[in-house]
Each structure stands twice: as C-alpha cells, then as structure tokens.
Amino acid sequence: ENKVVESRINQSGDLTRRRRECISCDSRFTTYERVEELMPLVIKKDGRREEFHREKIMDGIRKSCQKRLFTVSDIEEMVRATELKIQSLGVKEIA
C-alpha cells in the first residue's frame, strides 16, 4: 500500500513522475509512468513476428553512437521520434 505525494508531467507530456510514500513504513520512492501506446508487431528478416521493444531501439542507437557526442536525452528523443513515426503509419505490422 502506498500513496502519491507528488506528480509531475515532463515537458513533452508523455511521461509522469510520481513521488510515492509507503503507508506502513513511510519510505518514499519515485515511479515513472508512460502511456502505453499500441505499437505494431515487428516482422523480423526470418519472418518471425515479435512485439515492438523500445529498449532494443535504445540499445541499438546507444551502441551506434558510443564514440559520438550524443547525450542520453538526444538518444531518447530519437527513439521517441521513431515511435511517433511508426504510430502515425497506422499499421498492425511493420518490417
């Protein structure tokens, strides 16, 4: 059991930061909540279909930008732009 002490929405409006407090022990912690958008299935080269994973996109961009001057927020913005582009296509599957 916990209660929300404070809530904040980030600048782009897609992430909510909530400070919570445990009712039994009074310790505080933070949760981050993102609206779960319906993403299409990804069709792999071998024909398999799997769910879209934001973390895989983040990892791939991070690896490719290791020796370049990109900040974490730059990479997060790239991933967010990719997600928005995919959602705007309005398809159920994407290669």
N, C-alpha and C. Protein backbone atom coordinates (compact mmCIF):
# COMPACT_ATOMS: atom_id res chain seq x y z
N GLU A 1 0.84 -1.18 0.00
CA GLU A 1 0.00 0.00 0.00
C GLU A 1 0.88 1.24 0.00
N ASN A 2 0.56 2.17 -0.90
CA ASN A 2 1.29 3.43 -0.94
C ASN A 2 0.36 4.53 -1.40
N LYS A 3 0.81 5.76 -1.22
CA LYS A 3 0.02 6.90 -1.67
C LYS A 3 0.91 7.83 -2.48
N VAL A 4 0.31 8.57 -3.39
CA VAL A 4 1.03 9.51 -4.23
C VAL A 4 1.19 10.81 -3.46
N VAL A 5 2.44 11.28 -3.36
CA VAL A 5 2.73 12.52 -2.65
C VAL A 5 2.79 13.69 -3.62
N GLU A 6 3.36 13.45 -4.81
CA GLU A 6 3.55 14.50 -5.79
C GLU A 6 3.57 13.88 -7.19
N SER A 7 3.02 14.59 -8.18
CA SER A 7 3.05 14.13 -9.57
C SER A 7 3.52 15.28 -10.46
N ARG A 8 4.34 14.92 -11.45
CA ARG A 8 4.80 15.90 -12.43
C ARG A 8 4.82 15.25 -13.80
N ILE A 9 4.45 16.02 -14.80
CA ILE A 9 4.50 15.55 -16.18
C ILE A 9 5.69 16.22 -16.85
N ASN A 10 6.46 15.44 -17.65
CA ASN A 10 7.64 16.03 -18.30
C ASN A 10 7.21 17.00 -19.41
N GLN A 11 8.18 17.68 -20.00
CA GLN A 11 7.89 18.73 -20.98
C GLN A 11 7.15 18.23 -22.20
N SER A 12 7.49 17.03 -22.67
CA SER A 12 6.83 16.51 -23.87
C SER A 12 5.47 15.90 -23.55
N GLY A 13 5.15 15.72 -22.29
CA GLY A 13 3.83 15.25 -21.88
C GLY A 13 3.61 13.76 -22.00
N ASP A 14 4.67 12.98 -22.23
CA ASP A 14 4.49 11.55 -22.41
C ASP A 14 4.96 10.72 -21.21
N LEU A 15 5.48 11.39 -20.17
CA LEU A 15 6.00 10.68 -19.01
C LEU A 15 5.55 11.39 -17.74
N THR A 16 5.05 10.62 -16.78
CA THR A 16 4.62 11.18 -15.50
C THR A 16 5.53 10.66 -14.40
N ARG A 17 6.09 11.58 -13.63
CA ARG A 17 6.95 11.22 -12.49
C ARG A 17 6.10 11.38 -11.24
N ARG A 18 6.03 10.31 -10.44
CA ARG A 18 5.24 10.36 -9.21
C ARG A 18 6.12 10.01 -8.01
N ARG A 19 6.07 10.84 -6.99
CA ARG A 19 6.72 10.54 -5.71
C ARG A 19 5.66 9.83 -4.88
N ARG A 20 6.02 8.68 -4.37
CA ARG A 20 5.08 7.87 -3.59
C ARG A 20 5.64 7.63 -2.19
N GLU A 21 4.74 7.32 -1.27
CA GLU A 21 5.14 7.04 0.10
C GLU A 21 4.46 5.77 0.57
N CYS A 22 5.25 4.86 1.13
CA CYS A 22 4.72 3.61 1.67
C CYS A 22 3.93 3.94 2.93
N ILE A 23 2.72 3.42 3.01
CA ILE A 23 1.86 3.72 4.15
C ILE A 23 2.35 3.04 5.42
N SER A 24 2.92 1.84 5.30
CA SER A 24 3.33 1.11 6.50
C SER A 24 4.67 1.58 7.06
N CYS A 25 5.65 1.93 6.20
CA CYS A 25 6.98 2.28 6.72
C CYS A 25 7.39 3.73 6.45
N ASP A 26 6.58 4.49 5.77
CA ASP A 26 6.82 5.91 5.48
C ASP A 26 8.02 6.18 4.57
N SER A 27 8.58 5.14 3.93
CA SER A 27 9.68 5.41 3.00
C SER A 27 9.11 5.94 1.69
N ARG A 28 9.91 6.76 1.00
CA ARG A 28 9.47 7.38 -0.25
C ARG A 28 10.25 6.81 -1.43
N PHE A 29 9.59 6.75 -2.55
CA PHE A 29 10.24 6.29 -3.77
C PHE A 29 9.57 6.96 -4.96
N THR A 30 10.22 6.86 -6.12
CA THR A 30 9.74 7.51 -7.33
C THR A 30 9.35 6.46 -8.37
N THR A 31 8.23 6.69 -9.03
CA THR A 31 7.86 5.86 -10.16
C THR A 31 7.73 6.74 -11.39
N TYR A 32 8.00 6.15 -12.55
CA TYR A 32 7.85 6.85 -13.82
C TYR A 32 6.82 6.09 -14.63
N GLU A 33 5.81 6.81 -15.09
CA GLU A 33 4.72 6.17 -15.82
C GLU A 33 4.65 6.74 -17.23
N ARG A 34 4.55 5.85 -18.19
CA ARG A 34 4.44 6.24 -19.59
C ARG A 34 3.14 5.66 -20.12
N VAL A 35 2.43 6.44 -20.92
CA VAL A 35 1.21 5.95 -21.54
C VAL A 35 1.61 4.86 -22.52
N GLU A 36 0.95 3.73 -22.41
CA GLU A 36 1.29 2.60 -23.26
C GLU A 36 0.51 2.71 -24.56
N GLU A 37 1.23 3.04 -25.63
CA GLU A 37 0.60 3.14 -26.94
C GLU A 37 0.63 1.77 -27.61
N LEU A 38 -0.35 1.52 -28.44
CA LEU A 38 -0.41 0.27 -29.15
C LEU A 38 0.56 0.32 -30.32
N MET A 39 1.61 -0.46 -30.24
CA MET A 39 2.63 -0.48 -31.29
C MET A 39 2.41 -1.70 -32.18
N PRO A 40 2.75 -1.59 -33.46
CA PRO A 40 2.58 -2.74 -34.36
C PRO A 40 3.60 -3.84 -34.05
N LEU A 41 3.30 -5.03 -34.53
CA LEU A 41 4.26 -6.13 -34.43
C LEU A 41 5.39 -5.89 -35.41
N VAL A 42 6.58 -6.30 -35.05
CA VAL A 42 7.75 -6.16 -35.92
C VAL A 42 7.97 -7.48 -36.64
N ILE A 43 8.05 -7.42 -37.98
CA ILE A 43 8.32 -8.62 -38.77
C ILE A 43 9.83 -8.69 -38.97
N LYS A 44 10.43 -9.76 -38.43
CA LYS A 44 11.88 -9.94 -38.50
C LYS A 44 12.27 -10.46 -39.89
N LYS A 45 13.57 -10.42 -40.21
CA LYS A 45 14.05 -10.87 -41.52
C LYS A 45 13.69 -12.32 -41.81
N ASP A 46 13.66 -13.15 -40.78
CA ASP A 46 13.34 -14.57 -40.98
C ASP A 46 11.83 -14.84 -40.97
N GLY A 47 11.01 -13.78 -40.91
CA GLY A 47 9.56 -13.93 -40.97
C GLY A 47 8.87 -14.01 -39.62
N ARG A 48 9.64 -14.14 -38.54
CA ARG A 48 9.04 -14.16 -37.20
C ARG A 48 8.42 -12.81 -36.90
N ARG A 49 7.42 -12.82 -36.06
CA ARG A 49 6.81 -11.57 -35.61
C ARG A 49 6.99 -11.47 -34.11
N GLU A 50 7.37 -10.28 -33.66
CA GLU A 50 7.51 -10.06 -32.22
C GLU A 50 7.04 -8.67 -31.88
N GLU A 51 6.79 -8.45 -30.61
CA GLU A 51 6.34 -7.14 -30.14
C GLU A 51 7.44 -6.11 -30.31
N PHE A 52 7.04 -4.85 -30.48
CA PHE A 52 7.98 -3.75 -30.56
C PHE A 52 8.56 -3.52 -29.16
N HIS A 53 9.88 -3.41 -29.07
CA HIS A 53 10.54 -3.18 -27.79
C HIS A 53 11.35 -1.89 -27.87
N ARG A 54 10.91 -0.89 -27.13
CA ARG A 54 11.58 0.41 -27.08
C ARG A 54 13.04 0.25 -26.64
N GLU A 55 13.27 -0.66 -25.70
CA GLU A 55 14.61 -0.86 -25.15
C GLU A 55 15.59 -1.34 -26.23
N LYS A 56 15.12 -2.17 -27.15
CA LYS A 56 16.00 -2.65 -28.23
C LYS A 56 16.43 -1.50 -29.14
N ILE A 57 15.51 -0.59 -29.41
CA ILE A 57 15.85 0.57 -30.24
C ILE A 57 16.86 1.45 -29.49
N MET A 58 16.62 1.67 -28.20
CA MET A 58 17.54 2.47 -27.38
C MET A 58 18.93 1.85 -27.37
N ASP A 59 19.01 0.53 -27.15
CA ASP A 59 20.31 -0.15 -27.11
C ASP A 59 21.05 -0.03 -28.43
N GLY A 60 20.34 -0.21 -29.53
CA GLY A 60 20.97 -0.12 -30.85
C GLY A 60 21.51 1.28 -31.14
N ILE A 61 20.74 2.30 -30.82
CA ILE A 61 21.20 3.68 -31.04
C ILE A 61 22.36 3.99 -30.12
N ARG A 62 22.27 3.55 -28.86
CA ARG A 62 23.37 3.78 -27.91
C ARG A 62 24.67 3.18 -28.42
N LYS A 63 24.62 1.94 -28.91
CA LYS A 63 25.82 1.27 -29.43
C LYS A 63 26.38 2.00 -30.64
N SER A 64 25.51 2.44 -31.54
CA SER A 64 26.00 3.10 -32.74
C SER A 64 26.52 4.51 -32.47
N CYS A 65 26.15 5.10 -31.35
CA CYS A 65 26.58 6.47 -31.02
C CYS A 65 27.64 6.51 -29.92
N GLN A 66 28.24 5.38 -29.59
CA GLN A 66 29.19 5.33 -28.48
C GLN A 66 30.32 6.34 -28.61
N LYS A 67 30.89 6.46 -29.78
CA LYS A 67 32.05 7.34 -29.95
C LYS A 67 31.67 8.68 -30.56
N ARG A 68 30.42 9.05 -30.40
CA ARG A 68 29.93 10.31 -30.93
C ARG A 68 29.39 11.15 -29.77
N LEU A 69 29.20 12.41 -30.03
CA LEU A 69 28.78 13.34 -28.98
C LEU A 69 27.26 13.47 -28.90
N PHE A 70 26.60 12.38 -28.51
CA PHE A 70 25.16 12.41 -28.30
C PHE A 70 24.89 12.23 -26.82
N THR A 71 23.96 13.02 -26.29
CA THR A 71 23.57 12.87 -24.90
C THR A 71 22.46 11.82 -24.79
N VAL A 72 22.20 11.39 -23.58
CA VAL A 72 21.13 10.43 -23.35
C VAL A 72 19.79 11.03 -23.79
N SER A 73 19.59 12.30 -23.54
CA SER A 73 18.33 12.94 -23.95
C SER A 73 18.21 13.01 -25.48
N ASP A 74 19.34 13.17 -26.19
CA ASP A 74 19.31 13.13 -27.66
C ASP A 74 18.83 11.77 -28.14
N ILE A 75 19.36 10.72 -27.54
CA ILE A 75 19.00 9.36 -27.94
C ILE A 75 17.54 9.07 -27.60
N GLU A 76 17.10 9.51 -26.43
CA GLU A 76 15.70 9.32 -26.04
C GLU A 76 14.77 10.04 -27.02
N GLU A 77 15.17 11.22 -27.46
CA GLU A 77 14.36 11.97 -28.43
C GLU A 77 14.31 11.26 -29.78
N MET A 78 15.43 10.65 -30.20
CA MET A 78 15.45 9.87 -31.44
C MET A 78 14.48 8.70 -31.36
N VAL A 79 14.49 8.00 -30.22
CA VAL A 79 13.60 6.85 -30.03
C VAL A 79 12.15 7.31 -30.01
N ARG A 80 11.87 8.40 -29.32
CA ARG A 80 10.50 8.92 -29.26
C ARG A 80 10.02 9.32 -30.65
N ALA A 81 10.88 9.96 -31.44
CA ALA A 81 10.51 10.35 -32.81
C ALA A 81 10.23 9.11 -33.66
N THR A 82 11.02 8.06 -33.45
CA THR A 82 10.81 6.80 -34.18
C THR A 82 9.46 6.19 -33.80
N GLU A 83 9.15 6.17 -32.52
CA GLU A 83 7.87 5.63 -32.06
C GLU A 83 6.70 6.41 -32.65
N LEU A 84 6.80 7.73 -32.64
CA LEU A 84 5.72 8.55 -33.19
C LEU A 84 5.53 8.31 -34.68
N LYS A 85 6.64 8.16 -35.40
CA LYS A 85 6.58 7.90 -36.84
C LYS A 85 5.89 6.56 -37.11
N ILE A 86 6.26 5.53 -36.34
CA ILE A 86 5.67 4.21 -36.52
C ILE A 86 4.17 4.25 -36.19
N GLN A 87 3.81 4.93 -35.13
CA GLN A 87 2.39 5.03 -34.74
C GLN A 87 1.58 5.78 -35.79
N SER A 88 2.19 6.80 -36.40
CA SER A 88 1.46 7.60 -37.38
C SER A 88 1.17 6.81 -38.66
N LEU A 89 1.90 5.72 -38.90
CA LEU A 89 1.64 4.90 -40.08
C LEU A 89 0.31 4.17 -39.98
N GLY A 90 -0.12 3.87 -38.75
CA GLY A 90 -1.41 3.22 -38.53
C GLY A 90 -1.50 1.80 -39.03
N VAL A 91 -0.39 1.09 -39.01
CA VAL A 91 -0.37 -0.30 -39.47
C VAL A 91 -0.29 -1.25 -38.28
N LYS A 92 -0.66 -2.52 -38.51
CA LYS A 92 -0.61 -3.51 -37.42
C LYS A 92 0.72 -4.25 -37.39
N GLU A 93 1.44 -4.24 -38.52
CA GLU A 93 2.74 -4.91 -38.61
C GLU A 93 3.69 -4.03 -39.41
N ILE A 94 4.98 -4.10 -39.06
CA ILE A 94 5.98 -3.32 -39.77
C ILE A 94 7.24 -4.16 -39.91
N ALA A 95 7.85 -4.09 -41.09
CA ALA A 95 9.07 -4.87 -41.35
C ALA A 95 10.26 -4.15 -40.74
